[in-house]
Amino acid sequence: MTLAVREHLAAGQSITRLEALVLFGVANLPAIIKEMRDQGWVIQSRWIPYATAVRRINEHAVLQPPANLPVREIQLTEYWVNR
C-alpha cells in the first residue's frame, strides 16, 4: 500500500491524507512523506479545499461528504514531488 503512494507521488501526482486513506488504504501519509524526505525526495506541500480532494477521489471511487459539512472551508494538506 505504501508502495502505491510512493509510485503515485513519483509519477508526478499530488495526494492528501484523505486520498491516501480512501484510494490506497494508507492511514498515516505523513509518515511516508517523512520517510521519503529522509531519503532525499523533495516534497512540497500546500493547503487545498476538502472539496478539491473529494472531486479527485470521485474520479476513481465514490465519496459523499455529509450535506452539512463545509467542504469549501475545510483545508487539507496536499503533497507532491518537486521536480
Protein backbone atom coordinates (compact mmCIF):
# COMPACT_ATOMS: atom_id res chain seq x y z
CA MET A 1 0.00 0.00 0.00
CA THR A 2 2.76 2.45 0.84
CA LEU A 3 4.45 1.47 -2.43
CA ALA A 4 1.33 2.59 -4.32
CA VAL A 5 1.50 6.01 -2.62
CA ARG A 6 5.21 6.33 -3.43
CA GLU A 7 4.55 5.42 -7.07
CA HIS A 8 1.65 7.89 -7.19
CA LEU A 9 3.92 10.69 -5.98
CA ALA A 10 6.85 9.62 -8.17
CA ALA A 11 4.53 9.77 -11.19
CA GLY A 12 4.08 13.49 -10.52
CA GLN A 13 0.64 13.30 -8.95
CA SER A 14 -0.33 15.05 -5.73
CA ILE A 15 -2.06 13.44 -2.76
CA THR A 16 -3.79 14.34 0.51
CA ARG A 17 -4.31 12.23 3.63
CA LEU A 18 -7.94 11.73 2.61
CA GLU A 19 -6.96 10.41 -0.83
CA ALA A 20 -4.26 8.17 0.64
CA LEU A 21 -6.79 6.62 3.00
CA VAL A 22 -9.67 6.19 0.54
CA LEU A 23 -7.70 5.22 -2.58
CA PHE A 24 -4.74 3.32 -1.10
CA GLY A 25 -5.75 2.33 2.43
CA VAL A 26 -2.85 4.29 3.92
CA ALA A 27 -3.81 5.86 7.24
CA ASN A 28 -0.53 7.63 8.03
CA LEU A 29 0.53 9.58 4.94
CA PRO A 30 2.79 11.99 6.87
CA ALA A 31 4.98 9.03 7.93
CA ILE A 32 5.50 8.10 4.27
CA ILE A 33 6.23 11.73 3.39
CA LYS A 34 8.79 11.97 6.20
CA GLU A 35 10.48 8.76 5.13
CA MET A 36 10.67 9.92 1.51
CA ARG A 37 12.10 13.30 2.58
CA ASP A 38 14.68 11.47 4.72
CA GLN A 39 15.63 9.51 1.59
CA GLY A 40 16.27 12.78 -0.27
CA TRP A 41 12.98 13.32 -2.11
CA VAL A 42 11.98 16.97 -2.39
CA ILE A 43 8.33 17.00 -1.43
CA GLN A 44 6.31 20.20 -1.39
CA SER A 45 3.02 20.87 0.37
CA ARG A 46 0.19 23.37 0.39
CA TRP A 47 -3.37 23.70 1.65
CA ILE A 48 -6.27 22.82 -0.64
CA PRO A 49 -10.04 22.77 -0.03
CA TYR A 50 -11.58 19.48 1.10
CA ALA A 51 -13.89 19.77 -1.92
CA THR A 52 -10.91 19.52 -4.28
CA ALA A 53 -9.77 16.26 -2.70
CA VAL A 54 -13.33 14.87 -2.85
CA ARG A 55 -13.57 15.76 -6.55
CA ARG A 56 -10.28 13.96 -7.28
CA ILE A 57 -11.34 10.91 -5.26
CA ASN A 58 -14.63 10.76 -7.13
CA GLU A 59 -12.68 10.22 -10.37
CA HIS A 60 -11.85 6.72 -9.04
CA ALA A 61 -14.30 5.98 -6.21
CA VAL A 62 -17.45 7.39 -4.65
CA LEU A 63 -17.13 9.67 -1.64
CA GLN A 64 -20.16 11.65 -0.49
CA PRO A 65 -19.44 14.01 2.42
CA PRO A 66 -22.34 14.89 4.75
CA ALA A 67 -24.54 17.67 3.39
CA ASN A 68 -23.80 19.98 6.33
CA LEU A 69 -20.00 19.62 6.07
CA PRO A 70 -18.42 22.91 4.90
CA VAL A 71 -16.25 21.25 2.22
CA ARG A 72 -15.07 24.55 0.75
CA GLU A 73 -13.90 25.88 4.12
CA ILE A 74 -12.07 22.78 5.41
CA GLN A 75 -8.46 22.67 4.27
CA LEU A 76 -6.29 19.60 3.70
CA THR A 77 -2.56 19.39 3.11
CA GLU A 78 -1.65 18.30 -0.41
CA TYR A 79 1.80 16.82 -1.07
CA TRP A 80 3.68 16.42 -4.35
CA VAL A 81 7.21 15.70 -5.53
CA ASN A 82 9.05 18.79 -6.72
CA ARG A 83 10.88 18.03 -9.94
